[in-house]
Amino acid sequence: MTDQMHKLSIVRQAKASNISRSGVYYLPHPVSTEMHALMSLLDELHLDIHLLAAVCCNNY
């Protein structure tokens, strides 16, 4: 991981650690409960449709 207080710059620390600089500066933002519910619903639908497609393909 990188250290802000290290004498090497962030760029050089990232290069030495073999990680991208975007990964160093990325700060995740929290997901709202509504968005989490929507993503869960989409995952559920995707799994249902995927299973339906598998059943249809096995009939041929």
N, C-alpha and C. Protein backbone atom coordinates (compact mmCIF):
# COMPACT_ATOMS: atom_id res chain seq x y z
N MET A 1 0.83 -1.18 0.00
CA MET A 1 0.00 0.00 0.00
C MET A 1 0.88 1.24 0.00
N THR A 2 0.31 2.35 -0.33
CA THR A 2 1.07 3.59 -0.38
C THR A 2 0.98 4.35 0.94
N ASP A 3 1.97 5.17 1.16
CA ASP A 3 2.04 5.96 2.38
C ASP A 3 2.22 7.42 2.00
N GLN A 4 1.28 8.27 2.41
CA GLN A 4 1.33 9.70 2.09
C GLN A 4 2.58 10.37 2.68
N MET A 5 3.06 9.87 3.80
CA MET A 5 4.18 10.50 4.49
C MET A 5 5.55 9.97 4.03
N HIS A 6 5.57 8.99 3.15
CA HIS A 6 6.83 8.41 2.68
C HIS A 6 7.56 9.41 1.80
N LYS A 7 8.89 9.33 1.78
CA LYS A 7 9.65 10.30 0.98
C LYS A 7 9.51 10.04 -0.52
N LEU A 8 9.15 8.82 -0.91
CA LEU A 8 8.87 8.56 -2.33
C LEU A 8 7.51 9.13 -2.68
N SER A 9 7.39 9.65 -3.89
CA SER A 9 6.09 10.18 -4.33
C SER A 9 5.09 9.05 -4.49
N ILE A 10 3.82 9.40 -4.52
CA ILE A 10 2.75 8.41 -4.71
C ILE A 10 2.95 7.69 -6.04
N VAL A 11 3.35 8.44 -7.06
CA VAL A 11 3.57 7.85 -8.38
C VAL A 11 4.63 6.76 -8.31
N ARG A 12 5.73 7.06 -7.66
CA ARG A 12 6.82 6.07 -7.56
C ARG A 12 6.45 4.91 -6.65
N GLN A 13 5.70 5.17 -5.59
CA GLN A 13 5.26 4.09 -4.72
C GLN A 13 4.33 3.14 -5.47
N ALA A 14 3.42 3.72 -6.26
CA ALA A 14 2.50 2.89 -7.04
C ALA A 14 3.26 2.07 -8.06
N LYS A 15 4.22 2.68 -8.72
CA LYS A 15 5.01 1.97 -9.71
C LYS A 15 5.82 0.85 -9.06
N ALA A 16 6.42 1.12 -7.90
CA ALA A 16 7.20 0.11 -7.19
C ALA A 16 6.33 -1.04 -6.68
N SER A 17 5.08 -0.71 -6.31
CA SER A 17 4.15 -1.74 -5.82
C SER A 17 3.43 -2.45 -6.95
N ASN A 18 3.63 -1.95 -8.18
CA ASN A 18 3.00 -2.53 -9.37
C ASN A 18 1.47 -2.43 -9.30
N ILE A 19 0.99 -1.27 -8.83
CA ILE A 19 -0.45 -1.00 -8.81
C ILE A 19 -0.72 0.28 -9.59
N SER A 20 -1.94 0.43 -10.08
CA SER A 20 -2.28 1.63 -10.84
C SER A 20 -2.52 2.80 -9.89
N ARG A 21 -2.23 3.99 -10.36
CA ARG A 21 -2.45 5.17 -9.53
C ARG A 21 -3.93 5.41 -9.30
N SER A 22 -4.78 5.02 -10.24
CA SER A 22 -6.22 5.21 -10.02
C SER A 22 -6.70 4.42 -8.81
N GLY A 23 -6.08 3.27 -8.57
CA GLY A 23 -6.42 2.49 -7.40
C GLY A 23 -5.98 3.15 -6.11
N VAL A 24 -4.94 3.96 -6.19
CA VAL A 24 -4.45 4.67 -5.00
C VAL A 24 -5.40 5.80 -4.63
N TYR A 25 -5.88 6.52 -5.62
CA TYR A 25 -6.69 7.71 -5.36
C TYR A 25 -8.19 7.43 -5.26
N TYR A 26 -8.62 6.21 -5.59
CA TYR A 26 -10.05 5.88 -5.59
C TYR A 26 -10.60 5.86 -4.17
N LEU A 27 -11.70 6.55 -3.97
CA LEU A 27 -12.43 6.50 -2.71
C LEU A 27 -13.85 6.02 -2.99
N PRO A 28 -14.23 4.86 -2.48
CA PRO A 28 -15.58 4.35 -2.75
C PRO A 28 -16.64 5.23 -2.10
N HIS A 29 -17.77 5.36 -2.76
CA HIS A 29 -18.88 6.11 -2.18
C HIS A 29 -19.95 5.13 -1.73
N PRO A 30 -20.66 5.45 -0.66
CA PRO A 30 -21.66 4.53 -0.13
C PRO A 30 -22.83 4.35 -1.09
N VAL A 31 -23.39 3.15 -1.08
CA VAL A 31 -24.54 2.83 -1.93
C VAL A 31 -25.80 3.01 -1.10
N SER A 32 -26.77 3.73 -1.66
CA SER A 32 -28.02 3.97 -0.93
C SER A 32 -28.81 2.66 -0.80
N THR A 33 -29.72 2.61 0.15
CA THR A 33 -30.53 1.41 0.34
C THR A 33 -31.43 1.16 -0.86
N GLU A 34 -31.90 2.23 -1.51
CA GLU A 34 -32.74 2.06 -2.70
C GLU A 34 -31.93 1.44 -3.84
N MET A 35 -30.70 1.93 -4.02
CA MET A 35 -29.85 1.39 -5.08
C MET A 35 -29.49 -0.06 -4.80
N HIS A 36 -29.23 -0.37 -3.53
CA HIS A 36 -28.90 -1.75 -3.16
C HIS A 36 -30.09 -2.67 -3.44
N ALA A 37 -31.30 -2.23 -3.12
CA ALA A 37 -32.50 -3.03 -3.40
C ALA A 37 -32.68 -3.23 -4.90
N LEU A 38 -32.44 -2.19 -5.69
CA LEU A 38 -32.56 -2.29 -7.14
C LEU A 38 -31.52 -3.26 -7.71
N MET A 39 -30.29 -3.19 -7.23
CA MET A 39 -29.25 -4.10 -7.70
C MET A 39 -29.59 -5.55 -7.34
N SER A 40 -30.14 -5.76 -6.15
CA SER A 40 -30.53 -7.11 -5.74
C SER A 40 -31.64 -7.65 -6.63
N LEU A 41 -32.61 -6.81 -6.96
CA LEU A 41 -33.69 -7.21 -7.85
C LEU A 41 -33.16 -7.56 -9.24
N LEU A 42 -32.26 -6.75 -9.76
CA LEU A 42 -31.67 -7.03 -11.07
C LEU A 42 -30.88 -8.33 -11.06
N ASP A 43 -30.14 -8.59 -9.98
CA ASP A 43 -29.41 -9.85 -9.86
C ASP A 43 -30.37 -11.03 -9.87
N GLU A 44 -31.46 -10.90 -9.13
CA GLU A 44 -32.46 -11.97 -9.06
C GLU A 44 -33.08 -12.23 -10.44
N LEU A 45 -33.44 -11.15 -11.14
CA LEU A 45 -34.00 -11.29 -12.48
C LEU A 45 -33.01 -11.93 -13.43
N HIS A 46 -31.76 -11.53 -13.35
CA HIS A 46 -30.73 -12.09 -14.22
C HIS A 46 -30.60 -13.59 -13.99
N LEU A 47 -30.61 -14.01 -12.73
CA LEU A 47 -30.50 -15.43 -12.43
C LEU A 47 -31.71 -16.20 -12.94
N ASP A 48 -32.91 -15.63 -12.80
CA ASP A 48 -34.12 -16.30 -13.28
C ASP A 48 -34.09 -16.45 -14.79
N ILE A 49 -33.73 -15.39 -15.51
CA ILE A 49 -33.69 -15.44 -16.97
C ILE A 49 -32.59 -16.39 -17.43
N HIS A 50 -31.46 -16.38 -16.74
CA HIS A 50 -30.35 -17.27 -17.10
C HIS A 50 -30.79 -18.73 -16.97
N LEU A 51 -31.49 -19.06 -15.90
CA LEU A 51 -31.96 -20.43 -15.72
C LEU A 51 -33.00 -20.80 -16.77
N LEU A 52 -33.86 -19.86 -17.13
CA LEU A 52 -34.86 -20.10 -18.17
C LEU A 52 -34.18 -20.36 -19.50
N ALA A 53 -33.14 -19.61 -19.82
CA ALA A 53 -32.41 -19.81 -21.07
C ALA A 53 -31.74 -21.18 -21.08
N ALA A 54 -31.23 -21.63 -19.94
CA ALA A 54 -30.59 -22.93 -19.86
C ALA A 54 -31.61 -24.04 -20.11
N VAL A 55 -32.83 -23.90 -19.60
CA VAL A 55 -33.88 -24.90 -19.83
C VAL A 55 -34.25 -24.93 -21.30
N CYS A 56 -34.39 -23.77 -21.92
CA CYS A 56 -34.74 -23.71 -23.35
C CYS A 56 -33.66 -24.33 -24.21
N CYS A 57 -32.42 -24.13 -23.88
CA CYS A 57 -31.31 -24.67 -24.68
C CYS A 57 -31.24 -26.19 -24.55
N ASN A 58 -31.62 -26.73 -23.42
CA ASN A 58 -31.55 -28.17 -23.21
C ASN A 58 -32.65 -28.91 -23.97
N ASN A 59 -33.69 -28.20 -24.41
CA ASN A 59 -34.77 -28.85 -25.14
C ASN A 59 -34.38 -29.17 -26.57
N TYR A 60 -33.32 -28.60 -27.08
CA TYR A 60 -32.93 -28.82 -28.48
C TYR A 60 -31.94 -29.92 -28.62
